[in-house]
């Protein structure tokens, strides 16, 4: 599955280069959105799906989760 995710990321990188829609406003998608913006909305949704697949299938199972130190209260942290 890791190879599939890598191929999907490569396809997203290639699809993101939408040189064909840089200077076009028409046709409008849904009657109000330029075609280039519609393309990028689709790329963004696809990227979120590929990222979810990458986290689910490619994330290492032996990642150590760091717990807060005992006695470290929230009030001891500096205010931002």
PDB file of N, CA and C in Angstrom:
ATOM      1  N   UNK A   1       0.830  -1.205   0.000  1.00  0.00           N
ATOM      2  CA  UNK A   1       0.000   0.000   0.000  1.00  0.00           C
ATOM      3  C   UNK A   1       0.870   1.262   0.000  1.00  0.00           C
ATOM      4  N   UNK A   2       2.089   1.135   0.545  1.00  0.00           N
ATOM      5  CA  UNK A   2       2.973   2.296   0.582  1.00  0.00           C
ATOM      6  C   UNK A   2       3.308   2.771  -0.834  1.00  0.00           C
ATOM      7  N   UNK A   3       3.500   1.838  -1.741  1.00  0.00           N
ATOM      8  CA  UNK A   3       3.796   2.219  -3.131  1.00  0.00           C
ATOM      9  C   UNK A   3       2.600   2.897  -3.784  1.00  0.00           C
ATOM     10  N   UNK A   4       1.411   2.456  -3.457  1.00  0.00           N
ATOM     11  CA  UNK A   4       0.202   3.075  -4.000  1.00  0.00           C
ATOM     12  C   UNK A   4       0.103   4.522  -3.532  1.00  0.00           C
ATOM     13  N   UNK A   5       0.390   4.766  -2.265  1.00  0.00           N
ATOM     14  CA  UNK A   5       0.346   6.132  -1.732  1.00  0.00           C
ATOM     15  C   UNK A   5       1.402   6.994  -2.419  1.00  0.00           C
ATOM     16  N   UNK A   6       2.585   6.443  -2.639  1.00  0.00           N
ATOM     17  CA  UNK A   6       3.642   7.204  -3.315  1.00  0.00           C
ATOM     18  C   UNK A   6       3.221   7.551  -4.740  1.00  0.00           C
ATOM     19  N   UNK A   7       2.614   6.616  -5.440  1.00  0.00           N
ATOM     20  CA  UNK A   7       2.135   6.876  -6.808  1.00  0.00           C
ATOM     21  C   UNK A   7       1.030   7.932  -6.795  1.00  0.00           C
ATOM     22  N   UNK A   8       0.119   7.854  -5.819  1.00  0.00           N
ATOM     23  CA  UNK A   8      -0.952   8.851  -5.723  1.00  0.00           C
ATOM     24  C   UNK A   8      -0.390  10.249  -5.450  1.00  0.00           C
ATOM     25  N   UNK A   9       0.623  10.344  -4.595  1.00  0.00           N
ATOM     26  CA  UNK A   9       1.253  11.640  -4.335  1.00  0.00           C
ATOM     27  C   UNK A   9       1.906  12.176  -5.606  1.00  0.00           C
ATOM     28  N   UNK A  10       2.578  11.301  -6.355  1.00  0.00           N
ATOM     29  CA  UNK A  10       3.192  11.729  -7.617  1.00  0.00           C
ATOM     30  C   UNK A  10       2.131  12.199  -8.615  1.00  0.00           C
ATOM     31  N   UNK A  11       1.008  11.502  -8.674  1.00  0.00           N
ATOM     32  CA  UNK A  11      -0.079  11.929  -9.562  1.00  0.00           C
ATOM     33  C   UNK A  11      -0.658  13.280  -9.136  1.00  0.00           C
ATOM     34  N   UNK A  12      -0.784  13.484  -7.826  1.00  0.00           N
ATOM     35  CA  UNK A  12      -1.262  14.783  -7.345  1.00  0.00           C
ATOM     36  C   UNK A  12      -0.286  15.896  -7.709  1.00  0.00           C
ATOM     37  N   UNK A  13       1.008  15.619  -7.591  1.00  0.00           N
ATOM     38  CA  UNK A  13       2.004  16.624  -7.972  1.00  0.00           C
ATOM     39  C   UNK A  13       1.900  16.972  -9.450  1.00  0.00           C
ATOM     40  N   UNK A  14       1.701  15.973 -10.269  1.00  0.00           N
ATOM     41  CA  UNK A  14       1.563  16.223 -11.707  1.00  0.00           C
ATOM     42  C   UNK A  14       0.257  16.953 -12.018  1.00  0.00           C
ATOM     43  N   UNK A  15      -0.820  16.566 -11.367  1.00  0.00           N
ATOM     44  CA  UNK A  15      -2.122  17.187 -11.638  1.00  0.00           C
ATOM     45  C   UNK A  15      -2.198  18.613 -11.119  1.00  0.00           C
ATOM     46  N   UNK A  16      -1.390  18.936 -10.138  1.00  0.00           N
ATOM     47  CA  UNK A  16      -1.411  20.285  -9.575  1.00  0.00           C
ATOM     48  C   UNK A  16      -0.887  21.318 -10.568  1.00  0.00           C
ATOM     49  N   UNK A  17      -0.072  20.891 -11.525  1.00  0.00           N
ATOM     50  CA  UNK A  17       0.490  21.805 -12.517  1.00  0.00           C
ATOM     51  C   UNK A  17      -0.524  22.028 -13.636  1.00  0.00           C
ATOM     52  N   UNK A  18      -1.508  22.843 -13.357  1.00  0.00           N
ATOM     53  CA  UNK A  18      -2.602  23.068 -14.316  1.00  0.00           C
ATOM     54  C   UNK A  18      -2.307  24.270 -15.207  1.00  0.00           C
ATOM     55  N   UNK A  19      -1.301  24.156 -16.035  1.00  0.00           N
ATOM     56  CA  UNK A  19      -0.927  25.245 -16.934  1.00  0.00           C
ATOM     57  C   UNK A  19      -2.028  25.567 -17.935  1.00  0.00           C
ATOM     58  N   UNK A  20      -2.931  24.644 -18.174  1.00  0.00           N
ATOM     59  CA  UNK A  20      -3.982  24.832 -19.158  1.00  0.00           C
ATOM     60  C   UNK A  20      -5.081  25.774 -18.680  1.00  0.00           C
ATOM     61  N   UNK A  21      -5.168  26.061 -17.396  1.00  0.00           N
ATOM     62  CA  UNK A  21      -6.286  26.874 -16.894  1.00  0.00           C
ATOM     63  C   UNK A  21      -5.826  28.195 -16.294  1.00  0.00           C
ATOM     64  N   UNK A  22      -4.578  28.593 -16.500  1.00  0.00           N
ATOM     65  CA  UNK A  22      -4.087  29.820 -15.879  1.00  0.00           C
ATOM     66  C   UNK A  22      -4.750  31.071 -16.425  1.00  0.00           C
ATOM     67  N   UNK A  23      -4.984  31.112 -17.701  1.00  0.00           N
ATOM     68  CA  UNK A  23      -5.497  32.345 -18.293  1.00  0.00           C
ATOM     69  C   UNK A  23      -6.966  32.239 -18.703  1.00  0.00           C
ATOM     70  N   UNK A  24      -7.672  31.252 -18.191  1.00  0.00           N
ATOM     71  CA  UNK A  24      -9.082  31.083 -18.537  1.00  0.00           C
ATOM     72  C   UNK A  24      -9.976  31.381 -17.346  1.00  0.00           C
ATOM     73  N   UNK A  25     -11.032  32.096 -17.618  1.00  0.00           N
ATOM     74  CA  UNK A  25     -12.070  32.301 -16.613  1.00  0.00           C
ATOM     75  C   UNK A  25     -13.277  31.445 -16.964  1.00  0.00           C
ATOM     76  N   UNK A  26     -13.584  31.371 -18.228  1.00  0.00           N
ATOM     77  CA  UNK A  26     -14.696  30.542 -18.702  1.00  0.00           C
ATOM     78  C   UNK A  26     -14.189  29.140 -18.957  1.00  0.00           C
ATOM     79  N   UNK A  27     -14.921  28.117 -18.820  1.00  0.00           N
ATOM     80  CA  UNK A  27     -16.289  28.043 -18.344  1.00  0.00           C
ATOM     81  C   UNK A  27     -16.348  28.144 -16.828  1.00  0.00           C
ATOM     82  N   UNK A  28     -17.435  28.662 -16.347  1.00  0.00           N
ATOM     83  CA  UNK A  28     -17.650  28.753 -14.916  1.00  0.00           C
ATOM     84  C   UNK A  28     -18.282  27.459 -14.418  1.00  0.00           C
ATOM     85  N   UNK A  29     -17.714  26.909 -13.370  1.00  0.00           N
ATOM     86  CA  UNK A  29     -18.286  25.704 -12.773  1.00  0.00           C
ATOM     87  C   UNK A  29     -19.357  26.132 -11.777  1.00  0.00           C
ATOM     88  N   UNK A  30     -20.456  25.452 -11.781  1.00  0.00           N
ATOM     89  CA  UNK A  30     -21.587  25.763 -10.902  1.00  0.00           C
ATOM     90  C   UNK A  30     -22.114  27.176 -11.117  1.00  0.00           C
ATOM     91  N   UNK A  31     -21.756  27.790 -12.230  1.00  0.00           N
ATOM     92  CA  UNK A  31     -22.263  29.099 -12.576  1.00  0.00           C
ATOM     93  C   UNK A  31     -21.540  30.273 -11.942  1.00  0.00           C
ATOM     94  N   UNK A  32     -20.546  30.030 -11.074  1.00  0.00           N
ATOM     95  CA  UNK A  32     -19.879  31.155 -10.413  1.00  0.00           C
ATOM     96  C   UNK A  32     -18.377  30.940 -10.165  1.00  0.00           C
ATOM     97  N   UNK A  33     -17.881  29.723 -10.271  1.00  0.00           N
ATOM     98  CA  UNK A  33     -16.488  29.463  -9.902  1.00  0.00           C
ATOM     99  C   UNK A  33     -15.635  29.226 -11.148  1.00  0.00           C
ATOM    100  N   UNK A  34     -14.535  29.976 -11.301  1.00  0.00           N
ATOM    101  CA  UNK A  34     -13.661  29.750 -12.456  1.00  0.00           C
ATOM    102  C   UNK A  34     -13.124  28.316 -12.462  1.00  0.00           C
ATOM    103  N   UNK A  35     -12.847  27.820 -13.650  1.00  0.00           N
ATOM    104  CA  UNK A  35     -12.459  26.420 -13.800  1.00  0.00           C
ATOM    105  C   UNK A  35     -11.142  26.118 -13.082  1.00  0.00           C
ATOM    106  N   UNK A  36     -10.209  27.055 -13.047  1.00  0.00           N
ATOM    107  CA  UNK A  36      -8.943  26.832 -12.346  1.00  0.00           C
ATOM    108  C   UNK A  36      -9.139  26.665 -10.847  1.00  0.00           C
ATOM    109  N   UNK A  37     -10.026  27.462 -10.280  1.00  0.00           N
ATOM    110  CA  UNK A  37     -10.321  27.350  -8.851  1.00  0.00           C
ATOM    111  C   UNK A  37     -11.035  26.038  -8.550  1.00  0.00           C
ATOM    112  N   UNK A  38     -11.927  25.629  -9.438  1.00  0.00           N
ATOM    113  CA  UNK A  38     -12.613  24.352  -9.275  1.00  0.00           C
ATOM    114  C   UNK A  38     -11.615  23.202  -9.309  1.00  0.00           C
ATOM    115  N   UNK A  39     -10.644  23.289 -10.210  1.00  0.00           N
ATOM    116  CA  UNK A  39      -9.603  22.270 -10.298  1.00  0.00           C
ATOM    117  C   UNK A  39      -8.827  22.181  -8.983  1.00  0.00           C
ATOM    118  N   UNK A  40      -8.480  23.316  -8.408  1.00  0.00           N
ATOM    119  CA  UNK A  40      -7.713  23.314  -7.163  1.00  0.00           C
ATOM    120  C   UNK A  40      -8.539  22.839  -5.974  1.00  0.00           C
ATOM    121  N   UNK A  41      -9.817  23.062  -5.989  1.00  0.00           N
ATOM    122  CA  UNK A  41     -10.682  22.505  -4.944  1.00  0.00           C
ATOM    123  C   UNK A  41     -10.640  20.976  -5.025  1.00  0.00           C
ATOM    124  N   UNK A  42     -10.728  20.445  -6.232  1.00  0.00           N
ATOM    125  CA  UNK A  42     -10.653  18.995  -6.416  1.00  0.00           C
ATOM    126  C   UNK A  42      -9.313  18.425  -5.997  1.00  0.00           C
ATOM    127  N   UNK A  43      -8.232  19.131  -6.342  1.00  0.00           N
ATOM    128  CA  UNK A  43      -6.891  18.693  -5.943  1.00  0.00           C
ATOM    129  C   UNK A  43      -6.771  18.710  -4.418  1.00  0.00           C
ATOM    130  N   UNK A  44      -7.315  19.714  -3.769  1.00  0.00           N
ATOM    131  CA  UNK A  44      -7.245  19.804  -2.308  1.00  0.00           C
ATOM    132  C   UNK A  44      -8.005  18.666  -1.633  1.00  0.00           C
ATOM    133  N   UNK A  45      -9.163  18.336  -2.156  1.00  0.00           N
ATOM    134  CA  UNK A  45      -9.937  17.226  -1.600  1.00  0.00           C
ATOM    135  C   UNK A  45      -9.198  15.909  -1.821  1.00  0.00           C
ATOM    136  N   UNK A  46      -8.645  15.729  -3.011  1.00  0.00           N
ATOM    137  CA  UNK A  46      -7.880  14.515  -3.296  1.00  0.00           C
ATOM    138  C   UNK A  46      -6.641  14.421  -2.411  1.00  0.00           C
ATOM    139  N   UNK A  47      -5.980  15.550  -2.154  1.00  0.00           N
ATOM    140  CA  UNK A  47      -4.799  15.551  -1.288  1.00  0.00           C
ATOM    141  C   UNK A  47      -5.174  15.158   0.137  1.00  0.00           C
ATOM    142  N   UNK A  48      -6.318  15.606   0.615  1.00  0.00           N
ATOM    143  CA  UNK A  48      -6.765  15.224   1.958  1.00  0.00           C
ATOM    144  C   UNK A  48      -7.031  13.722   2.041  1.00  0.00           C
ATOM    145  N   UNK A  49      -7.610  13.166   0.997  1.00  0.00           N
ATOM    146  CA  UNK A  49      -7.880  11.727   0.976  1.00  0.00           C
ATOM    147  C   UNK A  49      -6.578  10.934   0.928  1.00  0.00           C
ATOM    148  N   UNK A  50      -5.634  11.369   0.099  1.00  0.00           N
ATOM    149  CA  UNK A  50      -4.344  10.678   0.010  1.00  0.00           C
ATOM    150  C   UNK A  50      -3.592  10.793   1.327  1.00  0.00           C
ATOM    151  N   UNK A  51      -3.664  11.937   1.985  1.00  0.00           N
ATOM    152  CA  UNK A  51      -3.005  12.093   3.278  1.00  0.00           C
ATOM    153  C   UNK A  51      -3.613  11.149   4.312  1.00  0.00           C
ATOM    154  N   UNK A  52      -4.915  11.001   4.309  1.00  0.00           N
ATOM    155  CA  UNK A  52      -5.568  10.072   5.231  1.00  0.00           C
ATOM    156  C   UNK A  52      -5.126   8.634   4.946  1.00  0.00           C
ATOM    157  N   UNK A  53      -5.007   8.271   3.681  1.00  0.00           N
ATOM    158  CA  UNK A  53      -4.508   6.941   3.331  1.00  0.00           C
ATOM    159  C   UNK A  53      -3.065   6.760   3.794  1.00  0.00           C
ATOM    160  N   UNK A  54      -2.246   7.784   3.619  1.00  0.00           N
ATOM    161  CA  UNK A  54      -0.850   7.700   4.039  1.00  0.00           C
ATOM    162  C   UNK A  54      -0.738   7.518   5.549  1.00  0.00           C
ATOM    163  N   UNK A  55      -1.529   8.242   6.300  1.00  0.00           N
ATOM    164  CA  UNK A  55      -1.486   8.117   7.761  1.00  0.00           C
ATOM    165  C   UNK A  55      -1.980   6.738   8.178  1.00  0.00           C
ATOM    166  N   UNK A  56      -3.023   6.263   7.542  1.00  0.00           N
ATOM    167  CA  UNK A  56      -3.600   4.973   7.934  1.00  0.00           C
ATOM    168  C   UNK A  56      -2.687   3.804   7.585  1.00  0.00           C
ATOM    169  N   UNK A  57      -2.116   3.802   6.385  1.00  0.00           N
ATOM    170  CA  UNK A  57      -1.366   2.646   5.920  1.00  0.00           C
ATOM    171  C   UNK A  57       0.151   2.769   6.055  1.00  0.00           C
ATOM    172  N   UNK A  58       0.693   3.975   6.130  1.00  0.00           N
ATOM    173  CA  UNK A  58       2.144   4.143   6.097  1.00  0.00           C
ATOM    174  C   UNK A  58       2.738   4.651   7.400  1.00  0.00           C
ATOM    175  N   UNK A  59       1.932   5.038   8.351  1.00  0.00           N
ATOM    176  CA  UNK A  59       2.446   5.565   9.614  1.00  0.00           C
ATOM    177  C   UNK A  59       3.049   4.421  10.420  1.00  0.00           C
ATOM    178  N   UNK A  60       4.244   4.599  10.986  1.00  0.00           N
ATOM    179  CA  UNK A  60       4.849   3.506  11.750  1.00  0.00           C
ATOM    180  C   UNK A  60       4.050   3.179  13.010  1.00  0.00           C
ATOM    181  N   UNK A  61       3.979   1.902  13.323  1.00  0.00           N
ATOM    182  CA  UNK A  61       3.182   1.456  14.464  1.00  0.00           C
ATOM    183  C   UNK A  61       3.921   1.611  15.782  1.00  0.00           C
ATOM    184  N   UNK A  62       5.231   1.762  15.741  1.00  0.00           N
ATOM    185  CA  UNK A  62       6.007   1.802  16.980  1.00  0.00           C
ATOM    186  C   UNK A  62       6.432   3.220  17.377  1.00  0.00           C
ATOM    187  N   UNK A  63       5.625   4.192  17.041  1.00  0.00           N
ATOM    188  CA  UNK A  63       5.918   5.572  17.408  1.00  0.00           C
ATOM    189  C   UNK A  63       5.697   5.739  18.909  1.00  0.00           C
ATOM    190  N   UNK A  64       6.669   6.333  19.566  1.00  0.00           N
ATOM    191  CA  UNK A  64       6.581   6.536  21.008  1.00  0.00           C
ATOM    192  C   UNK A  64       5.808   7.818  21.274  1.00  0.00           C
ATOM    193  N   UNK A  65       4.810   7.730  22.112  1.00  0.00           N
ATOM    194  CA  UNK A  65       4.019   8.891  22.489  1.00  0.00           C
ATOM    195  C   UNK A  65       4.612   9.444  23.778  1.00  0.00           C
ATOM    196  N   UNK A  66       4.979  10.711  23.765  1.00  0.00           N
ATOM    197  CA  UNK A  66       5.583  11.335  24.931  1.00  0.00           C
ATOM    198  C   UNK A  66       4.482  11.864  25.831  1.00  0.00           C
ATOM    199  N   UNK A  67       4.489  11.394  27.059  1.00  0.00           N
ATOM    200  CA  UNK A  67       3.502  11.842  28.041  1.00  0.00           C
ATOM    201  C   UNK A  67       4.047  13.053  28.787  1.00  0.00           C
ATOM    202  N   UNK A  68       3.188  13.920  29.294  1.00  0.00           N
ATOM    203  CA  UNK A  68       3.675  15.060  30.080  1.00  0.00           C
ATOM    204  C   UNK A  68       4.326  14.574  31.378  1.00  0.00           C
ATOM    205  N   UNK A  69       5.259  15.342  31.862  1.00  0.00           N
ATOM    206  CA  UNK A  69       5.946  14.989  33.106  1.00  0.00           C
ATOM    207  C   UNK A  69       4.967  15.005  34.274  1.00  0.00           C
ATOM    208  N   UNK A  70       5.129  14.072  35.202  1.00  0.00           N
ATOM    209  CA  UNK A  70       4.241  14.094  36.364  1.00  0.00           C
ATOM    210  C   UNK A  70       4.506  15.345  37.197  1.00  0.00           C
ATOM    211  N   UNK A  71       3.474  15.951  37.663  1.00  0.00           N
ATOM    212  CA  UNK A  71       3.603  17.157  38.473  1.00  0.00           C
ATOM    213  C   UNK A  71       3.651  18.440  37.652  1.00  0.00           C
ATOM    214  N   UNK A  72       3.705  18.329  36.336  1.00  0.00           N
ATOM    215  CA  UNK A  72       3.731  19.530  35.498  1.00  0.00           C
ATOM    216  C   UNK A  72       2.297  20.009  35.328  1.00  0.00           C
ATOM    217  N   UNK A  73       1.944  20.970  36.105  1.00  0.00           N
ATOM    218  CA  UNK A  73       0.577  21.491  36.055  1.00  0.00           C
ATOM    219  C   UNK A  73       0.434  22.458  34.898  1.00  0.00           C
ATOM    220  N   UNK A  74      -0.771  22.676  34.498  1.00  0.00           N
ATOM    221  CA  UNK A  74      -1.039  23.596  33.397  1.00  0.00           C
ATOM    222  C   UNK A  74      -0.651  25.026  33.769  1.00  0.00           C
ATOM    223  N   UNK A  75      -0.771  25.363  35.038  1.00  0.00           N
ATOM    224  CA  UNK A  75      -0.477  26.729  35.470  1.00  0.00           C
ATOM    225  C   UNK A  75       1.009  27.040  35.436  1.00  0.00           C
ATOM    226  N   UNK A  76       1.871  26.011  35.384  1.00  0.00           N
ATOM    227  CA  UNK A  76       3.312  26.242  35.348  1.00  0.00           C
ATOM    228  C   UNK A  76       3.816  26.597  33.962  1.00  0.00           C
ATOM    229  N   UNK A  77       2.985  26.448  32.963  1.00  0.00           N
ATOM    230  CA  UNK A  77       3.395  26.777  31.609  1.00  0.00           C
ATOM    231  C   UNK A  77       3.335  28.291  31.423  1.00  0.00           C
ATOM    232  N   UNK A  78       4.292  28.833  30.685  1.00  0.00           N
ATOM    233  CA  UNK A  78       4.260  30.292  30.460  1.00  0.00           C
ATOM    234  C   UNK A  78       3.105  30.687  29.557  1.00  0.00           C
ATOM    235  N   UNK A  79       2.539  31.819  29.818  1.00  0.00           N
ATOM    236  CA  UNK A  79       1.450  32.362  29.011  1.00  0.00           C
ATOM    237  C   UNK A  79       2.016  32.912  27.720  1.00  0.00           C
ATOM    238  N   UNK A  80       1.277  32.791  26.660  1.00  0.00           N
ATOM    239  CA  UNK A  80       1.716  33.352  25.367  1.00  0.00           C
ATOM    240  C   UNK A  80       1.116  34.692  25.130  1.00  0.00           C
TER     241      UNK A  80
END
